[in-house]
């Protein structure tokens, strides 16, 4: 897993859906600053947050983690 891939994948998925960080944070019921930290690779999502991203974006965890294209 490449740490920088997680942030760029999450940002890409968010932008593809036309969402702001604020909108995504509201949907996932987390703070907007947490989304920003994920996207800039300051922190990594927990397993439960990774699952929330997988379910919301309908992609595999492997994709978010940068293990597959």
PDB file of N, CA and C in Angstrom:
ATOM      1  N   UNK A   1       0.844  -1.183   0.000  1.00  0.00           N
ATOM      2  CA  UNK A   1       0.000   0.000   0.000  1.00  0.00           C
ATOM      3  C   UNK A   1       0.883   1.238   0.000  1.00  0.00           C
ATOM      4  N   UNK A   2       0.592   2.123  -0.916  1.00  0.00           N
ATOM      5  CA  UNK A   2       1.291   3.387  -0.967  1.00  0.00           C
ATOM      6  C   UNK A   2       0.414   4.430  -0.296  1.00  0.00           C
ATOM      7  N   UNK A   3       0.947   5.017   0.759  1.00  0.00           N
ATOM      8  CA  UNK A   3       0.157   5.973   1.532  1.00  0.00           C
ATOM      9  C   UNK A   3      -0.407   7.081   0.646  1.00  0.00           C
ATOM     10  N   UNK A   4       0.393   7.608  -0.264  1.00  0.00           N
ATOM     11  CA  UNK A   4      -0.071   8.710  -1.101  1.00  0.00           C
ATOM     12  C   UNK A   4      -1.209   8.293  -2.028  1.00  0.00           C
ATOM     13  N   UNK A   5      -1.303   7.007  -2.335  1.00  0.00           N
ATOM     14  CA  UNK A   5      -2.387   6.532  -3.208  1.00  0.00           C
ATOM     15  C   UNK A   5      -3.744   6.669  -2.544  1.00  0.00           C
ATOM     16  N   UNK A   6      -3.818   6.414  -1.255  1.00  0.00           N
ATOM     17  CA  UNK A   6      -5.101   6.461  -0.560  1.00  0.00           C
ATOM     18  C   UNK A   6      -5.725   7.846  -0.697  1.00  0.00           C
ATOM     19  N   UNK A   7      -4.977   8.868  -0.384  1.00  0.00           N
ATOM     20  CA  UNK A   7      -5.490  10.229  -0.459  1.00  0.00           C
ATOM     21  C   UNK A   7      -5.903  10.622  -1.862  1.00  0.00           C
ATOM     22  N   UNK A   8      -5.077  10.297  -2.838  1.00  0.00           N
ATOM     23  CA  UNK A   8      -5.408  10.679  -4.213  1.00  0.00           C
ATOM     24  C   UNK A   8      -6.610   9.890  -4.730  1.00  0.00           C
ATOM     25  N   UNK A   9      -6.735   8.629  -4.333  1.00  0.00           N
ATOM     26  CA  UNK A   9      -7.898   7.832  -4.757  1.00  0.00           C
ATOM     27  C   UNK A   9      -9.178   8.371  -4.139  1.00  0.00           C
ATOM     28  N   UNK A  10      -9.122   8.715  -2.855  1.00  0.00           N
ATOM     29  CA  UNK A  10     -10.314   9.245  -2.201  1.00  0.00           C
ATOM     30  C   UNK A  10     -10.730  10.581  -2.817  1.00  0.00           C
ATOM     31  N   UNK A  11      -9.765  11.430  -3.096  1.00  0.00           N
ATOM     32  CA  UNK A  11     -10.076  12.715  -3.726  1.00  0.00           C
ATOM     33  C   UNK A  11     -10.668  12.507  -5.115  1.00  0.00           C
ATOM     34  N   UNK A  12     -10.068  11.602  -5.879  1.00  0.00           N
ATOM     35  CA  UNK A  12     -10.563  11.298  -7.229  1.00  0.00           C
ATOM     36  C   UNK A  12     -12.015  10.808  -7.174  1.00  0.00           C
ATOM     37  N   UNK A  13     -12.303   9.891  -6.272  1.00  0.00           N
ATOM     38  CA  UNK A  13     -13.661   9.357  -6.141  1.00  0.00           C
ATOM     39  C   UNK A  13     -14.651  10.446  -5.745  1.00  0.00           C
ATOM     40  N   UNK A  14     -14.231  11.305  -4.827  1.00  0.00           N
ATOM     41  CA  UNK A  14     -15.104  12.397  -4.384  1.00  0.00           C
ATOM     42  C   UNK A  14     -15.405  13.353  -5.536  1.00  0.00           C
ATOM     43  N   UNK A  15     -14.357  13.744  -6.266  1.00  0.00           N
ATOM     44  CA  UNK A  15     -14.532  14.693  -7.360  1.00  0.00           C
ATOM     45  C   UNK A  15     -15.347  14.100  -8.504  1.00  0.00           C
ATOM     46  N   UNK A  16     -15.186  12.798  -8.771  1.00  0.00           N
ATOM     47  CA  UNK A  16     -15.969  12.143  -9.820  1.00  0.00           C
ATOM     48  C   UNK A  16     -17.464  12.239  -9.538  1.00  0.00           C
ATOM     49  N   UNK A  17     -17.811  12.309  -8.274  1.00  0.00           N
ATOM     50  CA  UNK A  17     -19.217  12.398  -7.891  1.00  0.00           C
ATOM     51  C   UNK A  17     -19.667  13.838  -7.670  1.00  0.00           C
ATOM     52  N   UNK A  18     -18.767  14.775  -7.940  1.00  0.00           N
ATOM     53  CA  UNK A  18     -19.112  16.187  -7.827  1.00  0.00           C
ATOM     54  C   UNK A  18     -19.359  16.648  -6.407  1.00  0.00           C
ATOM     55  N   UNK A  19     -18.687  16.023  -5.460  1.00  0.00           N
ATOM     56  CA  UNK A  19     -18.886  16.360  -4.049  1.00  0.00           C
ATOM     57  C   UNK A  19     -17.760  17.236  -3.520  1.00  0.00           C
ATOM     58  N   UNK A  20     -18.111  18.155  -2.641  1.00  0.00           N
ATOM     59  CA  UNK A  20     -17.100  18.908  -1.907  1.00  0.00           C
ATOM     60  C   UNK A  20     -16.674  18.077  -0.701  1.00  0.00           C
ATOM     61  N   UNK A  21     -15.597  18.487  -0.069  1.00  0.00           N
ATOM     62  CA  UNK A  21     -15.190  17.800   1.156  1.00  0.00           C
ATOM     63  C   UNK A  21     -16.277  17.940   2.218  1.00  0.00           C
ATOM     64  N   UNK A  22     -16.892  19.099   2.275  1.00  0.00           N
ATOM     65  CA  UNK A  22     -17.960  19.339   3.256  1.00  0.00           C
ATOM     66  C   UNK A  22     -19.139  18.406   3.005  1.00  0.00           C
ATOM     67  N   UNK A  23     -19.552  18.277   1.745  1.00  0.00           N
ATOM     68  CA  UNK A  23     -20.689  17.411   1.415  1.00  0.00           C
ATOM     69  C   UNK A  23     -20.393  15.957   1.766  1.00  0.00           C
ATOM     70  N   UNK A  24     -19.193  15.484   1.419  1.00  0.00           N
ATOM     71  CA  UNK A  24     -18.833  14.095   1.735  1.00  0.00           C
ATOM     72  C   UNK A  24     -18.781  13.886   3.242  1.00  0.00           C
ATOM     73  N   UNK A  25     -18.221  14.836   3.947  1.00  0.00           N
ATOM     74  CA  UNK A  25     -18.145  14.729   5.404  1.00  0.00           C
ATOM     75  C   UNK A  25     -19.539  14.635   6.019  1.00  0.00           C
ATOM     76  N   UNK A  26     -20.473  15.431   5.496  1.00  0.00           N
ATOM     77  CA  UNK A  26     -21.847  15.390   6.011  1.00  0.00           C
ATOM     78  C   UNK A  26     -22.487  14.033   5.735  1.00  0.00           C
ATOM     79  N   UNK A  27     -22.268  13.500   4.548  1.00  0.00           N
ATOM     80  CA  UNK A  27     -22.827  12.193   4.186  1.00  0.00           C
ATOM     81  C   UNK A  27     -22.290  11.102   5.108  1.00  0.00           C
ATOM     82  N   UNK A  28     -20.973  11.143   5.369  1.00  0.00           N
ATOM     83  CA  UNK A  28     -20.338  10.105   6.183  1.00  0.00           C
ATOM     84  C   UNK A  28     -20.374  10.409   7.682  1.00  0.00           C
ATOM     85  N   UNK A  29     -20.928  11.582   8.016  1.00  0.00           N
ATOM     86  CA  UNK A  29     -21.057  12.000   9.417  1.00  0.00           C
ATOM     87  C   UNK A  29     -19.707  12.077  10.128  1.00  0.00           C
ATOM     88  N   UNK A  30     -18.754  12.720   9.437  1.00  0.00           N
ATOM     89  CA  UNK A  30     -17.450  12.981  10.024  1.00  0.00           C
ATOM     90  C   UNK A  30     -17.103  14.445   9.771  1.00  0.00           C
ATOM     91  N   UNK A  31     -16.050  14.917  10.393  1.00  0.00           N
ATOM     92  CA  UNK A  31     -15.644  16.304  10.248  1.00  0.00           C
ATOM     93  C   UNK A  31     -14.991  16.541   8.892  1.00  0.00           C
ATOM     94  N   UNK A  32     -15.240  17.711   8.312  1.00  0.00           N
ATOM     95  CA  UNK A  32     -14.656  18.071   7.013  1.00  0.00           C
ATOM     96  C   UNK A  32     -13.134  18.017   7.068  1.00  0.00           C
ATOM     97  N   UNK A  33     -12.557  18.405   8.202  1.00  0.00           N
ATOM     98  CA  UNK A  33     -11.093  18.403   8.315  1.00  0.00           C
ATOM     99  C   UNK A  33     -10.533  16.980   8.240  1.00  0.00           C
ATOM    100  N   UNK A  34     -11.323  16.005   8.640  1.00  0.00           N
ATOM    101  CA  UNK A  34     -10.881  14.612   8.545  1.00  0.00           C
ATOM    102  C   UNK A  34     -10.781  14.191   7.082  1.00  0.00           C
ATOM    103  N   UNK A  35     -11.747  14.590   6.264  1.00  0.00           N
ATOM    104  CA  UNK A  35     -11.682  14.305   4.827  1.00  0.00           C
ATOM    105  C   UNK A  35     -10.424  14.938   4.245  1.00  0.00           C
ATOM    106  N   UNK A  36     -10.169  16.190   4.597  1.00  0.00           N
ATOM    107  CA  UNK A  36      -8.982  16.894   4.098  1.00  0.00           C
ATOM    108  C   UNK A  36      -7.708  16.165   4.513  1.00  0.00           C
ATOM    109  N   UNK A  37      -7.662  15.685   5.735  1.00  0.00           N
ATOM    110  CA  UNK A  37      -6.474  14.966   6.218  1.00  0.00           C
ATOM    111  C   UNK A  37      -6.285  13.643   5.480  1.00  0.00           C
ATOM    112  N   UNK A  38      -7.385  12.946   5.177  1.00  0.00           N
ATOM    113  CA  UNK A  38      -7.272  11.723   4.388  1.00  0.00           C
ATOM    114  C   UNK A  38      -6.702  12.039   3.008  1.00  0.00           C
ATOM    115  N   UNK A  39      -7.253  13.071   2.370  1.00  0.00           N
ATOM    116  CA  UNK A  39      -6.864  13.395   1.001  1.00  0.00           C
ATOM    117  C   UNK A  39      -5.442  13.913   0.891  1.00  0.00           C
ATOM    118  N   UNK A  40      -4.926  14.495   1.959  1.00  0.00           N
ATOM    119  CA  UNK A  40      -3.544  14.993   1.948  1.00  0.00           C
ATOM    120  C   UNK A  40      -2.586  14.021   2.641  1.00  0.00           C
ATOM    121  N   UNK A  41      -3.096  12.851   2.950  1.00  0.00           N
ATOM    122  CA  UNK A  41      -2.296  11.777   3.544  1.00  0.00           C
ATOM    123  C   UNK A  41      -1.695  12.126   4.903  1.00  0.00           C
ATOM    124  N   UNK A  42      -2.366  13.013   5.623  1.00  0.00           N
ATOM    125  CA  UNK A  42      -1.903  13.332   6.975  1.00  0.00           C
ATOM    126  C   UNK A  42      -2.317  12.239   7.950  1.00  0.00           C
ATOM    127  N   UNK A  43      -3.449  11.599   7.639  1.00  0.00           N
ATOM    128  CA  UNK A  43      -3.897  10.435   8.415  1.00  0.00           C
ATOM    129  C   UNK A  43      -4.449   9.398   7.447  1.00  0.00           C
ATOM    130  N   UNK A  44      -4.508   8.161   7.900  1.00  0.00           N
ATOM    131  CA  UNK A  44      -5.090   7.083   7.107  1.00  0.00           C
ATOM    132  C   UNK A  44      -6.435   6.698   7.719  1.00  0.00           C
ATOM    133  N   UNK A  45      -7.386   6.320   6.874  1.00  0.00           N
ATOM    134  CA  UNK A  45      -8.692   5.920   7.415  1.00  0.00           C
ATOM    135  C   UNK A  45      -8.598   4.630   8.218  1.00  0.00           C
ATOM    136  N   UNK A  46      -9.409   4.555   9.268  1.00  0.00           N
ATOM    137  CA  UNK A  46      -9.511   3.320  10.046  1.00  0.00           C
ATOM    138  C   UNK A  46     -10.195   2.264   9.186  1.00  0.00           C
ATOM    139  N   UNK A  47     -10.199   1.049   9.661  1.00  0.00           N
ATOM    140  CA  UNK A  47     -10.871  -0.032   8.940  1.00  0.00           C
ATOM    141  C   UNK A  47     -12.364   0.294   8.779  1.00  0.00           C
ATOM    142  N   UNK A  48     -12.995   0.785   9.828  1.00  0.00           N
ATOM    143  CA  UNK A  48     -14.425   1.095   9.724  1.00  0.00           C
ATOM    144  C   UNK A  48     -14.669   2.246   8.751  1.00  0.00           C
ATOM    145  N   UNK A  49     -13.767   3.216   8.690  1.00  0.00           N
ATOM    146  CA  UNK A  49     -13.925   4.319   7.741  1.00  0.00           C
ATOM    147  C   UNK A  49     -13.651   3.832   6.324  1.00  0.00           C
ATOM    148  N   UNK A  50     -12.688   2.945   6.161  1.00  0.00           N
ATOM    149  CA  UNK A  50     -12.407   2.359   4.849  1.00  0.00           C
ATOM    150  C   UNK A  50     -13.649   1.625   4.336  1.00  0.00           C
ATOM    151  N   UNK A  51     -14.301   0.892   5.208  1.00  0.00           N
ATOM    152  CA  UNK A  51     -15.529   0.188   4.833  1.00  0.00           C
ATOM    153  C   UNK A  51     -16.607   1.187   4.422  1.00  0.00           C
ATOM    154  N   UNK A  52     -16.719   2.294   5.146  1.00  0.00           N
ATOM    155  CA  UNK A  52     -17.703   3.325   4.789  1.00  0.00           C
ATOM    156  C   UNK A  52     -17.422   3.890   3.398  1.00  0.00           C
ATOM    157  N   UNK A  53     -16.146   4.126   3.080  1.00  0.00           N
ATOM    158  CA  UNK A  53     -15.784   4.614   1.745  1.00  0.00           C
ATOM    159  C   UNK A  53     -16.107   3.575   0.682  1.00  0.00           C
ATOM    160  N   UNK A  54     -15.793   2.323   0.942  1.00  0.00           N
ATOM    161  CA  UNK A  54     -16.077   1.237  -0.005  1.00  0.00           C
ATOM    162  C   UNK A  54     -17.577   1.168  -0.295  1.00  0.00           C
ATOM    163  N   UNK A  55     -18.377   1.207   0.748  1.00  0.00           N
ATOM    164  CA  UNK A  55     -19.821   1.124   0.573  1.00  0.00           C
ATOM    165  C   UNK A  55     -20.372   2.352  -0.143  1.00  0.00           C
ATOM    166  N   UNK A  56     -19.893   3.528   0.218  1.00  0.00           N
ATOM    167  CA  UNK A  56     -20.418   4.739  -0.397  1.00  0.00           C
ATOM    168  C   UNK A  56     -20.019   4.850  -1.862  1.00  0.00           C
ATOM    169  N   UNK A  57     -18.737   4.643  -2.154  1.00  0.00           N
ATOM    170  CA  UNK A  57     -18.246   4.821  -3.519  1.00  0.00           C
ATOM    171  C   UNK A  57     -18.428   3.584  -4.395  1.00  0.00           C
ATOM    172  N   UNK A  58     -18.831   2.465  -3.797  1.00  0.00           N
ATOM    173  CA  UNK A  58     -19.044   1.216  -4.537  1.00  0.00           C
ATOM    174  C   UNK A  58     -17.796   0.789  -5.310  1.00  0.00           C
ATOM    175  N   UNK A  59     -16.663   0.820  -4.610  1.00  0.00           N
ATOM    176  CA  UNK A  59     -15.392   0.341  -5.153  1.00  0.00           C
ATOM    177  C   UNK A  59     -14.802  -0.628  -4.137  1.00  0.00           C
ATOM    178  N   UNK A  60     -13.766  -1.346  -4.542  1.00  0.00           N
ATOM    179  CA  UNK A  60     -13.145  -2.289  -3.615  1.00  0.00           C
ATOM    180  C   UNK A  60     -12.156  -1.567  -2.692  1.00  0.00           C
ATOM    181  N   UNK A  61     -11.927  -2.165  -1.552  1.00  0.00           N
ATOM    182  CA  UNK A  61     -10.911  -1.645  -0.635  1.00  0.00           C
ATOM    183  C   UNK A  61      -9.551  -1.694  -1.338  1.00  0.00           C
ATOM    184  N   UNK A  62      -9.322  -2.728  -2.139  1.00  0.00           N
ATOM    185  CA  UNK A  62      -8.070  -2.835  -2.883  1.00  0.00           C
ATOM    186  C   UNK A  62      -7.849  -1.619  -3.771  1.00  0.00           C
ATOM    187  N   UNK A  63      -8.915  -1.116  -4.376  1.00  0.00           N
ATOM    188  CA  UNK A  63      -8.799   0.068  -5.230  1.00  0.00           C
ATOM    189  C   UNK A  63      -8.386   1.286  -4.388  1.00  0.00           C
ATOM    190  N   UNK A  64      -9.080   1.517  -3.296  1.00  0.00           N
ATOM    191  CA  UNK A  64      -8.768   2.667  -2.443  1.00  0.00           C
ATOM    192  C   UNK A  64      -7.344   2.576  -1.918  1.00  0.00           C
ATOM    193  N   UNK A  65      -6.920   1.369  -1.576  1.00  0.00           N
ATOM    194  CA  UNK A  65      -5.573   1.182  -1.024  1.00  0.00           C
ATOM    195  C   UNK A  65      -4.482   1.205  -2.087  1.00  0.00           C
ATOM    196  N   UNK A  66      -4.872   1.276  -3.352  1.00  0.00           N
ATOM    197  CA  UNK A  66      -3.884   1.344  -4.418  1.00  0.00           C
ATOM    198  C   UNK A  66      -3.290  -0.002  -4.810  1.00  0.00           C
ATOM    199  N   UNK A  67      -3.977  -1.071  -4.437  1.00  0.00           N
ATOM    200  CA  UNK A  67      -3.468  -2.407  -4.757  1.00  0.00           C
ATOM    201  C   UNK A  67      -3.877  -2.860  -6.164  1.00  0.00           C
ATOM    202  N   UNK A  68      -4.953  -2.268  -6.686  1.00  0.00           N
ATOM    203  CA  UNK A  68      -5.410  -2.539  -8.052  1.00  0.00           C
ATOM    204  C   UNK A  68      -5.800  -1.224  -8.705  1.00  0.00           C
ATOM    205  N   UNK A  69      -5.812  -1.233 -10.026  1.00  0.00           N
ATOM    206  CA  UNK A  69      -6.222  -0.037 -10.772  1.00  0.00           C
ATOM    207  C   UNK A  69      -7.683  -0.059 -11.111  1.00  0.00           C
TER     208      UNK A  69
END
